[in-house]
């Protein structure tokens, strides 16, 4: 196995190390099938010189309690995240990806804190994390890499109106701000924000056996994108991404757009600055200790 600098950085941080600044939860779909999709977050953390970690147990971002309508399970999954934060003395948790992960986690955390105020943990939403990293200069972007294309943003239900209605804060402005740091040409879908159309994957319709029904509802999203003239649709939800990337073109074959996660767009726009010799030395030392604990010997030829 040949390891790049980013691979090495990932392996150093992937096994619940103590005293990290950030705890990150991957989506199981990416771990088991679309594993290359995780590289974008690793690249962002690498560029930001982030002190981060991924749990080696209970690492799933998806809230299967919310997915199956089991509120007690949603609370259990949130409590596991709280316990991981406290066990490893981690500063902040990035609220997991959508498809129920972020929305369900917020619901579960709220109930856990209501039961016991000591369950309060420090967390940050994924859009807020990216915005913060850009605003404080920890990561830098080059818009020219996205020249010649028109970009639009799809407001997913759970990142937007469901959070707005249930928690008083939907994430509408943050992703648009991030996009404008990445691109020069941005257009809105009509309608958008609270009035945006669901892509048709919501309520479990992406993995459930109701493809035709899901695609029928998706005609609204298809028309929105077509009318916008956008070349690239940017999303923040894995179900929305699969629906817009795979199902809509299957049923509406004249689609000619790309689909990107917002963190993918950020990662592809990054200006990577070299680490200092001291930072590289420290990372290599941490990586070696991690590999020894895992019984892993990398091939660095």
Protein backbone atom coordinates (compact mmCIF):
# COMPACT_ATOMS: atom_id res chain seq x y z
CA UNK A 1 0.00 0.00 0.00
CA UNK A 2 1.50 3.31 -1.08
CA UNK A 3 0.48 6.19 1.19
CA UNK A 4 0.09 9.82 0.18
CA UNK A 5 0.49 12.62 2.71
CA UNK A 6 -3.29 12.83 3.11
CA UNK A 7 -3.58 9.02 3.53
CA UNK A 8 -0.95 9.20 6.26
CA UNK A 9 -2.79 12.08 7.89
CA UNK A 10 -6.03 10.08 7.87
CA UNK A 11 -4.50 6.94 9.34
CA UNK A 12 -2.99 9.03 12.11
CA UNK A 13 -6.43 10.29 13.16
CA UNK A 14 -8.86 7.47 12.49
CA UNK A 15 -8.98 5.51 15.74
CA UNK A 16 -10.49 7.64 18.51
CA UNK A 17 -7.38 9.41 19.68
CA UNK A 18 -7.65 11.41 22.89
CA UNK A 19 -7.70 15.22 23.15
CA UNK A 20 -8.62 15.87 19.52
CA UNK A 21 -10.21 19.18 18.59
CA UNK A 22 -12.75 17.59 16.23
CA UNK A 23 -14.72 14.33 16.27
CA UNK A 24 -16.01 13.35 12.82
CA UNK A 25 -18.59 10.70 11.86
CA UNK A 26 -18.58 9.21 8.33
CA UNK A 27 -21.69 7.99 6.56
CA UNK A 28 -21.75 4.17 6.34
CA UNK A 29 -22.59 4.36 2.62
CA UNK A 30 -19.25 6.03 2.03
CA UNK A 31 -17.36 3.56 4.20
CA UNK A 32 -18.81 0.45 2.56
CA UNK A 33 -19.25 1.52 -1.06
CA UNK A 34 -18.44 5.14 -1.96
CA UNK A 35 -15.25 5.21 0.10
CA UNK A 36 -13.45 7.63 -2.21
CA UNK A 37 -16.01 10.25 -1.15
CA UNK A 38 -14.40 10.46 2.30
CA UNK A 39 -11.18 11.80 0.82
CA UNK A 40 -12.66 15.31 0.48
CA UNK A 41 -13.08 15.74 4.22
CA UNK A 42 -9.61 14.32 4.88
CA UNK A 43 -8.18 16.82 2.40
CA UNK A 44 -9.95 19.71 4.12
CA UNK A 45 -8.69 18.61 7.53
CA UNK A 46 -5.20 18.22 6.10
CA UNK A 47 -5.26 21.73 4.64
CA UNK A 48 -6.61 23.16 7.90
CA UNK A 49 -3.99 21.25 9.91
CA UNK A 50 -6.87 20.01 12.00
CA UNK A 51 -6.44 17.88 15.11
CA UNK A 52 -9.28 15.45 14.38
CA UNK A 53 -10.35 11.88 14.93
CA UNK A 54 -12.93 9.29 13.84
CA UNK A 55 -14.32 6.82 16.38
CA UNK A 56 -13.40 3.17 15.93
CA UNK A 57 -16.79 2.13 17.33
CA UNK A 58 -20.25 3.65 16.94
CA UNK A 59 -18.87 5.73 14.08
CA UNK A 60 -21.98 5.78 11.85
CA UNK A 61 -23.29 9.24 10.93
CA UNK A 62 -26.72 8.02 9.83
CA UNK A 63 -29.46 8.08 12.49
CA UNK A 64 -31.20 4.75 11.97
CA UNK A 65 -33.61 5.57 14.79
CA UNK A 66 -34.99 8.48 12.80
CA UNK A 67 -34.96 6.37 9.63
CA UNK A 68 -37.10 3.66 11.25
CA UNK A 69 -39.29 5.96 13.34
CA UNK A 70 -37.78 4.80 16.65
CA UNK A 71 -37.23 7.87 18.84
CA UNK A 72 -35.67 5.84 21.65
CA UNK A 73 -32.96 4.61 19.29
CA UNK A 74 -32.31 8.20 18.16
CA UNK A 75 -31.63 9.08 21.80
CA UNK A 76 -29.36 6.05 22.27
CA UNK A 77 -27.30 6.96 19.21
CA UNK A 78 -26.93 10.55 20.45
CA UNK A 79 -25.84 9.33 23.89
CA UNK A 80 -23.13 7.20 22.29
CA UNK A 81 -21.74 10.33 20.64
CA UNK A 82 -21.83 12.16 23.96
CA UNK A 83 -19.98 9.28 25.64
CA UNK A 84 -17.30 9.23 22.91
CA UNK A 85 -16.75 12.97 23.32
CA UNK A 86 -16.33 12.65 27.07
CA UNK A 87 -14.30 9.41 27.00
CA UNK A 88 -11.70 10.85 24.64
CA UNK A 89 -11.83 14.45 25.92
CA UNK A 90 -12.66 15.89 22.50
CA UNK A 91 -13.36 19.59 22.11
CA UNK A 92 -16.04 19.68 19.38
CA UNK A 93 -18.10 17.31 17.29
CA UNK A 94 -19.02 18.10 13.70
CA UNK A 95 -22.75 17.45 13.44
CA UNK A 96 -23.04 14.44 11.11
CA UNK A 97 -24.06 14.53 7.46
CA UNK A 98 -27.75 14.72 6.56
CA UNK A 99 -30.05 11.87 5.47
CA UNK A 100 -31.24 12.09 9.05
CA UNK A 101 -27.80 12.20 10.66
CA UNK A 102 -27.74 15.87 11.55
CA UNK A 103 -31.44 16.31 12.22
CA UNK A 104 -31.75 13.10 14.24
CA UNK A 105 -28.59 13.84 16.18
CA UNK A 106 -29.89 17.28 17.18
CA UNK A 107 -33.15 15.71 18.38
CA UNK A 108 -31.34 13.01 20.31
CA UNK A 109 -28.86 15.41 21.89
CA UNK A 110 -31.68 17.71 22.97
CA UNK A 111 -33.48 14.87 24.76
CA UNK A 112 -30.28 13.66 26.42
CA UNK A 113 -29.52 17.14 27.75
CA UNK A 114 -33.10 17.54 28.98
CA UNK A 115 -32.65 14.33 30.97
CA UNK A 116 -29.24 15.32 32.31
CA UNK A 117 -27.57 18.73 31.73
CA UNK A 118 -24.19 17.01 32.08
CA UNK A 119 -24.82 15.48 28.66
CA UNK A 120 -24.21 18.86 27.02
CA UNK A 121 -21.35 18.69 24.50
CA UNK A 122 -19.75 21.21 22.19
CA UNK A 123 -20.70 20.69 18.55
CA UNK A 124 -20.62 22.62 15.29
CA UNK A 125 -22.67 22.18 12.14
CA UNK A 126 -20.72 21.06 9.07
CA UNK A 127 -21.51 24.28 7.15
CA UNK A 128 -20.49 26.39 10.13
CA UNK A 129 -17.22 24.46 10.38
CA UNK A 130 -16.37 25.11 6.72
CA UNK A 131 -17.36 28.76 7.04
CA UNK A 132 -15.25 29.16 10.16
CA UNK A 133 -12.20 27.53 8.56
CA UNK A 134 -12.49 29.91 5.60
CA UNK A 135 -13.12 33.04 7.65
CA UNK A 136 -10.16 32.49 9.97
CA UNK A 137 -7.84 31.66 7.07
CA UNK A 138 -7.13 28.06 8.02
CA UNK A 139 -8.07 27.01 4.50
CA UNK A 140 -7.76 28.99 1.27
CA UNK A 141 -9.59 28.51 -2.03
CA UNK A 142 -8.93 29.22 -5.69
CA UNK A 143 -12.08 30.18 -7.61
CA UNK A 144 -10.33 29.88 -10.96
CA UNK A 145 -10.52 26.09 -10.73
CA UNK A 146 -14.28 26.35 -11.20
CA UNK A 147 -14.28 28.93 -13.99
CA UNK A 148 -16.60 28.48 -16.94
CA UNK A 149 -19.32 26.62 -15.04
CA UNK A 150 -22.57 27.79 -13.45
CA UNK A 151 -23.31 26.42 -9.97
CA UNK A 152 -26.54 26.15 -8.00
CA UNK A 153 -27.44 25.01 -4.49
CA UNK A 154 -30.12 22.49 -3.51
CA UNK A 155 -31.65 23.15 -0.07
CA UNK A 156 -32.18 19.72 1.46
CA UNK A 157 -35.25 19.36 3.67
CA UNK A 158 -33.46 18.28 6.82
CA UNK A 159 -30.66 20.83 6.66
CA UNK A 160 -33.17 23.56 5.89
CA UNK A 161 -36.86 23.76 6.64
CA UNK A 162 -37.04 20.87 9.12
CA UNK A 163 -34.31 22.39 11.28
CA UNK A 164 -35.94 25.81 10.91
CA UNK A 165 -39.34 24.52 12.01
CA UNK A 166 -38.12 22.31 14.84
CA UNK A 167 -35.09 24.19 16.15
CA UNK A 168 -35.54 27.73 14.84
CA UNK A 169 -32.37 27.59 12.73
CA UNK A 170 -32.19 26.27 9.19
CA UNK A 171 -28.91 26.35 7.25
CA UNK A 172 -29.62 28.51 4.23
CA UNK A 173 -27.12 31.37 4.28
CA UNK A 174 -24.01 29.41 5.30
CA UNK A 175 -23.80 27.05 2.31
CA UNK A 176 -24.48 29.88 -0.11
CA UNK A 177 -21.67 31.92 1.45
CA UNK A 178 -19.31 28.95 1.14
CA UNK A 179 -20.26 28.41 -2.51
CA UNK A 180 -19.51 32.02 -3.33
CA UNK A 181 -16.01 31.56 -1.95
CA UNK A 182 -15.55 28.68 -4.41
CA UNK A 183 -17.18 29.98 -7.60
CA UNK A 184 -17.90 33.15 -9.54
CA UNK A 185 -21.10 32.03 -11.25
CA UNK A 186 -23.92 31.08 -8.88
CA UNK A 187 -27.67 30.93 -9.63
CA UNK A 188 -30.61 30.10 -7.41
CA UNK A 189 -33.15 27.38 -8.02
CA UNK A 190 -36.73 28.59 -8.10
CA UNK A 191 -38.20 28.07 -5.56
CA UNK A 192 -35.56 27.80 -2.82
CA UNK A 193 -34.85 27.92 0.92
CA UNK A 194 -38.03 27.17 2.93
CA UNK A 195 -40.04 26.79 -0.29
CA UNK A 196 -37.64 24.49 -2.10
CA UNK A 197 -38.95 21.22 -3.53
CA UNK A 198 -37.85 17.96 -1.92
CA UNK A 199 -35.68 16.08 -4.40
CA UNK A 200 -37.87 12.99 -4.04
CA UNK A 201 -35.46 10.98 -1.88
CA UNK A 202 -36.86 12.19 1.44
CA UNK A 203 -38.67 10.00 3.93
CA UNK A 204 -36.47 7.04 3.04
CA UNK A 205 -37.50 7.05 -0.63
CA UNK A 206 -33.95 6.72 -1.93
CA UNK A 207 -33.24 3.20 -0.62
CA UNK A 208 -36.87 2.00 -0.40
CA UNK A 209 -38.52 0.05 -3.27
CA UNK A 210 -40.58 2.99 -4.54
CA UNK A 211 -38.32 4.18 -7.32
CA UNK A 212 -41.06 5.20 -9.75
CA UNK A 213 -42.94 7.18 -7.12
CA UNK A 214 -39.73 8.86 -6.02
CA UNK A 215 -38.84 9.72 -9.61
CA UNK A 216 -42.32 11.08 -10.27
CA UNK A 217 -41.96 13.58 -7.42
CA UNK A 218 -38.44 14.37 -8.66
CA UNK A 219 -39.93 15.91 -11.80
CA UNK A 220 -40.11 19.16 -9.84
CA UNK A 221 -36.39 19.05 -9.05
CA UNK A 222 -35.59 18.11 -12.64
CA UNK A 223 -37.49 21.15 -13.91
CA UNK A 224 -35.87 23.45 -11.34
CA UNK A 225 -32.37 22.42 -12.37
CA UNK A 226 -33.17 22.52 -16.07
CA UNK A 227 -34.66 26.02 -15.81
CA UNK A 228 -31.70 27.33 -13.78
CA UNK A 229 -29.18 26.63 -16.55
CA UNK A 230 -26.71 25.34 -13.94
CA UNK A 231 -23.87 23.02 -14.93
CA UNK A 232 -23.22 21.85 -11.36
CA UNK A 233 -25.73 21.13 -8.57
CA UNK A 234 -24.14 21.36 -5.11
CA UNK A 235 -25.71 19.47 -2.20
CA UNK A 236 -25.14 18.78 1.48
CA UNK A 237 -27.07 15.53 1.89
CA UNK A 238 -26.04 12.06 0.73
CA UNK A 239 -29.59 10.98 -0.16
CA UNK A 240 -30.19 14.17 -2.16
CA UNK A 241 -26.87 13.64 -3.92
CA UNK A 242 -27.71 10.06 -4.95
CA UNK A 243 -31.20 11.04 -6.07
CA UNK A 244 -30.10 14.01 -8.17
CA UNK A 245 -26.99 12.27 -9.53
CA UNK A 246 -28.41 8.82 -10.27
CA UNK A 247 -32.20 8.55 -10.23
CA UNK A 248 -33.25 11.79 -11.91
CA UNK A 249 -30.98 11.21 -14.97
CA UNK A 250 -32.29 7.65 -15.18
CA UNK A 251 -35.88 8.83 -15.57
CA UNK A 252 -35.16 12.19 -17.27
CA UNK A 253 -32.30 11.31 -19.67
CA UNK A 254 -31.61 14.81 -21.02
CA UNK A 255 -29.95 15.86 -17.74
CA UNK A 256 -26.50 17.32 -18.41
CA UNK A 257 -25.36 18.52 -15.01
CA UNK A 258 -22.77 17.39 -12.45
CA UNK A 259 -23.53 16.85 -8.77
CA UNK A 260 -21.04 17.64 -6.00
CA UNK A 261 -21.11 17.65 -2.23
CA UNK A 262 -20.35 21.09 -0.85
CA UNK A 263 -17.29 19.69 0.96
CA UNK A 264 -16.19 18.10 -2.33
CA UNK A 265 -16.35 21.51 -4.01
CA UNK A 266 -14.34 23.05 -1.16
CA UNK A 267 -11.75 20.25 -1.31
CA UNK A 268 -11.37 20.57 -5.08
CA UNK A 269 -10.91 24.34 -4.74
CA UNK A 270 -8.29 24.16 -1.98
CA UNK A 271 -4.93 25.84 -2.15
CA UNK A 272 -2.71 23.33 -0.35
CA UNK A 273 0.13 24.93 1.54
CA UNK A 274 3.10 22.78 2.62
CA UNK A 275 3.50 21.78 6.24
CA UNK A 276 6.60 22.83 8.14
CA UNK A 277 9.31 20.25 8.85
CA UNK A 278 8.29 20.29 12.50
CA UNK A 279 4.63 19.61 11.66
CA UNK A 280 5.57 16.77 9.29
CA UNK A 281 7.86 15.22 11.91
CA UNK A 282 5.15 15.34 14.58
CA UNK A 283 2.56 13.83 12.20
CA UNK A 284 4.91 11.00 11.24
CA UNK A 285 5.57 10.28 14.93
CA UNK A 286 1.84 10.13 15.67
CA UNK A 287 1.24 7.97 12.59
CA UNK A 288 3.91 5.48 13.62
CA UNK A 289 2.42 5.15 17.10
CA UNK A 290 -1.03 4.67 15.58
CA UNK A 291 0.17 1.99 13.17
CA UNK A 292 1.84 0.11 16.00
CA UNK A 293 -1.40 0.12 18.00
CA UNK A 294 -3.30 -1.16 14.94
CA UNK A 295 -0.67 -3.72 13.97
CA UNK A 296 -0.43 -2.08 10.54
CA UNK A 297 2.74 -1.80 8.47
CA UNK A 298 2.46 0.61 5.51
CA UNK A 299 4.44 0.19 2.31
CA UNK A 300 6.04 3.56 1.70
CA UNK A 301 7.93 2.67 -1.46
